[in-house]
């Protein structure tokens, strides 16, 4: 059983957010960050059995900021 599962979260080009688990074939997307949290939990529960569930799910949100000069 893994203790921690890390997701890389990025803004989708068409809007909303995408989350990809590092080291696992888990991917999900949603319109808002709150909805994404629920979708990530659902995807993890579908991927792992009850005895394999990680104890912690970490969402690493990557966001680009552009400053024009």
N, C-alpha and C. Protein backbone atom coordinates (compact mmCIF):
# COMPACT_ATOMS: atom_id res chain seq x y z
N UNK A 1 0.84 -1.18 0.00
CA UNK A 1 0.00 0.00 0.00
C UNK A 1 0.88 1.24 0.00
N UNK A 2 0.61 2.13 -0.93
CA UNK A 2 1.33 3.40 -0.96
C UNK A 2 0.72 4.32 0.08
N UNK A 3 1.56 5.15 0.67
CA UNK A 3 1.05 6.08 1.66
C UNK A 3 0.57 7.37 1.02
N UNK A 4 1.17 7.74 -0.12
CA UNK A 4 0.83 9.01 -0.75
C UNK A 4 0.73 8.84 -2.26
N UNK A 5 -0.25 9.47 -2.85
CA UNK A 5 -0.43 9.47 -4.30
C UNK A 5 -0.46 10.93 -4.74
N UNK A 6 0.39 11.27 -5.70
CA UNK A 6 0.51 12.66 -6.14
C UNK A 6 -0.11 12.82 -7.53
N UNK A 7 -0.94 13.85 -7.66
CA UNK A 7 -1.54 14.21 -8.94
C UNK A 7 -0.96 15.54 -9.40
N UNK A 8 -0.63 15.62 -10.67
CA UNK A 8 -0.23 16.87 -11.30
C UNK A 8 -1.51 17.49 -11.88
N UNK A 9 -1.86 18.67 -11.42
CA UNK A 9 -3.09 19.35 -11.85
C UNK A 9 -2.71 20.55 -12.69
N UNK A 10 -3.30 20.63 -13.90
CA UNK A 10 -3.04 21.76 -14.80
C UNK A 10 -4.36 22.29 -15.33
N UNK A 11 -4.35 23.57 -15.68
CA UNK A 11 -5.51 24.15 -16.33
C UNK A 11 -5.59 23.58 -17.75
N UNK A 12 -6.77 23.16 -18.17
CA UNK A 12 -6.96 22.63 -19.52
C UNK A 12 -7.08 23.78 -20.51
N UNK A 13 -6.57 23.59 -21.71
CA UNK A 13 -6.62 24.66 -22.71
C UNK A 13 -8.05 25.03 -23.09
N UNK A 14 -8.97 24.09 -23.00
CA UNK A 14 -10.37 24.36 -23.33
C UNK A 14 -11.19 24.81 -22.12
N UNK A 15 -10.51 24.99 -20.98
CA UNK A 15 -11.17 25.40 -19.74
C UNK A 15 -11.23 24.25 -18.76
N UNK A 16 -11.35 24.58 -17.50
CA UNK A 16 -11.39 23.54 -16.47
C UNK A 16 -9.99 23.08 -16.09
N UNK A 17 -9.94 21.88 -15.50
CA UNK A 17 -8.68 21.35 -14.99
C UNK A 17 -8.52 19.88 -15.36
N UNK A 18 -7.25 19.45 -15.47
CA UNK A 18 -6.91 18.06 -15.72
C UNK A 18 -5.98 17.60 -14.61
N UNK A 19 -6.16 16.35 -14.17
CA UNK A 19 -5.29 15.79 -13.13
C UNK A 19 -4.75 14.44 -13.60
N UNK A 20 -3.43 14.27 -13.48
CA UNK A 20 -2.76 13.02 -13.86
C UNK A 20 -1.96 12.51 -12.66
N UNK A 21 -2.17 11.25 -12.31
CA UNK A 21 -1.42 10.65 -11.20
C UNK A 21 -0.01 10.34 -11.66
N UNK A 22 0.97 10.66 -10.83
CA UNK A 22 2.36 10.35 -11.15
C UNK A 22 2.62 8.89 -10.82
N UNK A 23 3.07 8.13 -11.82
CA UNK A 23 3.40 6.73 -11.62
C UNK A 23 2.25 5.77 -11.76
N UNK A 24 1.06 6.28 -12.10
CA UNK A 24 -0.12 5.43 -12.27
C UNK A 24 -0.91 5.92 -13.49
N UNK A 25 -1.69 5.06 -14.06
CA UNK A 25 -2.51 5.41 -15.22
C UNK A 25 -3.86 5.98 -14.81
N UNK A 26 -3.85 7.01 -13.98
CA UNK A 26 -5.10 7.63 -13.53
C UNK A 26 -5.15 9.05 -14.07
N UNK A 27 -6.25 9.38 -14.75
CA UNK A 27 -6.45 10.70 -15.33
C UNK A 27 -7.90 11.09 -15.16
N UNK A 28 -8.14 12.33 -14.81
CA UNK A 28 -9.51 12.83 -14.74
C UNK A 28 -9.51 14.32 -15.01
N UNK A 29 -10.69 14.87 -15.23
CA UNK A 29 -10.82 16.30 -15.49
C UNK A 29 -12.15 16.80 -14.96
N UNK A 30 -12.23 18.13 -14.76
CA UNK A 30 -13.44 18.74 -14.24
C UNK A 30 -13.42 20.23 -14.55
N UNK A 31 -14.57 20.87 -14.37
CA UNK A 31 -14.69 22.30 -14.66
C UNK A 31 -14.13 23.18 -13.55
N UNK A 32 -14.22 22.73 -12.28
CA UNK A 32 -13.74 23.51 -11.15
C UNK A 32 -12.80 22.67 -10.29
N UNK A 33 -12.03 23.34 -9.45
CA UNK A 33 -11.12 22.61 -8.56
C UNK A 33 -11.89 21.78 -7.54
N UNK A 34 -13.00 22.29 -7.05
CA UNK A 34 -13.81 21.52 -6.09
C UNK A 34 -14.35 20.24 -6.74
N UNK A 35 -14.84 20.36 -7.96
CA UNK A 35 -15.32 19.18 -8.68
C UNK A 35 -14.17 18.23 -8.99
N UNK A 36 -13.00 18.78 -9.30
CA UNK A 36 -11.84 17.95 -9.60
C UNK A 36 -11.44 17.10 -8.39
N UNK A 37 -11.52 17.67 -7.21
CA UNK A 37 -11.20 16.91 -5.99
C UNK A 37 -12.10 15.68 -5.87
N UNK A 38 -13.39 15.86 -6.13
CA UNK A 38 -14.33 14.74 -6.08
C UNK A 38 -14.02 13.72 -7.16
N UNK A 39 -13.68 14.19 -8.36
CA UNK A 39 -13.37 13.29 -9.48
C UNK A 39 -12.09 12.50 -9.22
N UNK A 40 -11.09 13.15 -8.62
CA UNK A 40 -9.84 12.48 -8.28
C UNK A 40 -10.10 11.36 -7.28
N UNK A 41 -10.86 11.66 -6.24
CA UNK A 41 -11.17 10.65 -5.23
C UNK A 41 -11.92 9.47 -5.85
N UNK A 42 -12.87 9.75 -6.72
CA UNK A 42 -13.62 8.69 -7.40
C UNK A 42 -12.69 7.85 -8.27
N UNK A 43 -11.81 8.50 -9.02
CA UNK A 43 -10.88 7.78 -9.90
C UNK A 43 -9.93 6.90 -9.09
N UNK A 44 -9.45 7.40 -7.96
CA UNK A 44 -8.55 6.62 -7.11
C UNK A 44 -9.27 5.41 -6.53
N UNK A 45 -10.51 5.61 -6.10
CA UNK A 45 -11.28 4.49 -5.55
C UNK A 45 -11.56 3.43 -6.61
N UNK A 46 -11.73 3.84 -7.86
CA UNK A 46 -11.93 2.87 -8.95
C UNK A 46 -10.64 2.13 -9.29
N UNK A 47 -9.50 2.79 -9.13
CA UNK A 47 -8.21 2.23 -9.52
C UNK A 47 -7.65 1.25 -8.48
N UNK A 48 -7.84 1.57 -7.21
CA UNK A 48 -7.27 0.76 -6.13
C UNK A 48 -8.36 -0.01 -5.40
N UNK A 49 -7.99 -1.17 -4.91
CA UNK A 49 -8.89 -1.92 -4.04
C UNK A 49 -8.88 -1.33 -2.65
N UNK A 50 -9.82 -1.73 -1.79
CA UNK A 50 -9.90 -1.16 -0.43
C UNK A 50 -8.60 -1.32 0.37
N UNK A 51 -7.89 -2.41 0.18
CA UNK A 51 -6.66 -2.64 0.94
C UNK A 51 -5.45 -1.94 0.32
N UNK A 52 -5.60 -1.37 -0.88
CA UNK A 52 -4.49 -0.74 -1.59
C UNK A 52 -4.58 0.79 -1.60
N UNK A 53 -5.67 1.35 -1.08
CA UNK A 53 -5.88 2.79 -1.14
C UNK A 53 -4.74 3.55 -0.46
N UNK A 54 -4.23 4.60 -1.12
CA UNK A 54 -3.22 5.43 -0.46
C UNK A 54 -3.87 6.19 0.70
N UNK A 55 -3.07 6.53 1.68
CA UNK A 55 -3.59 7.26 2.84
C UNK A 55 -3.77 8.75 2.54
N UNK A 56 -2.93 9.27 1.64
CA UNK A 56 -2.95 10.70 1.32
C UNK A 56 -2.95 10.86 -0.19
N UNK A 57 -3.78 11.78 -0.68
CA UNK A 57 -3.78 12.16 -2.09
C UNK A 57 -3.37 13.63 -2.14
N UNK A 58 -2.29 13.90 -2.84
CA UNK A 58 -1.76 15.26 -2.95
C UNK A 58 -2.03 15.80 -4.35
N UNK A 59 -2.63 16.99 -4.42
CA UNK A 59 -2.86 17.64 -5.70
C UNK A 59 -1.83 18.75 -5.85
N UNK A 60 -0.92 18.57 -6.80
CA UNK A 60 0.11 19.57 -7.09
C UNK A 60 -0.40 20.42 -8.25
N UNK A 61 -0.89 21.62 -7.94
CA UNK A 61 -1.51 22.49 -8.95
C UNK A 61 -0.44 23.35 -9.60
N UNK A 62 -0.33 23.22 -10.92
CA UNK A 62 0.62 23.98 -11.71
C UNK A 62 -0.17 24.99 -12.53
N UNK A 63 0.19 26.25 -12.40
CA UNK A 63 -0.56 27.29 -13.09
C UNK A 63 0.41 28.28 -13.71
N UNK A 64 0.21 28.59 -14.99
CA UNK A 64 1.05 29.57 -15.66
C UNK A 64 0.48 30.96 -15.46
N UNK A 65 1.33 31.89 -15.13
CA UNK A 65 0.96 33.30 -14.99
C UNK A 65 1.78 34.06 -16.02
N UNK A 66 1.13 34.90 -16.78
CA UNK A 66 1.83 35.69 -17.80
C UNK A 66 1.75 37.17 -17.40
N UNK A 67 2.91 37.79 -17.41
CA UNK A 67 3.00 39.23 -17.12
C UNK A 67 3.49 39.91 -18.38
N UNK A 68 2.69 40.81 -18.90
CA UNK A 68 3.13 41.54 -20.09
C UNK A 68 3.88 42.80 -19.65
N UNK A 69 4.87 43.17 -20.43
CA UNK A 69 5.71 44.31 -20.09
C UNK A 69 5.57 45.38 -21.14
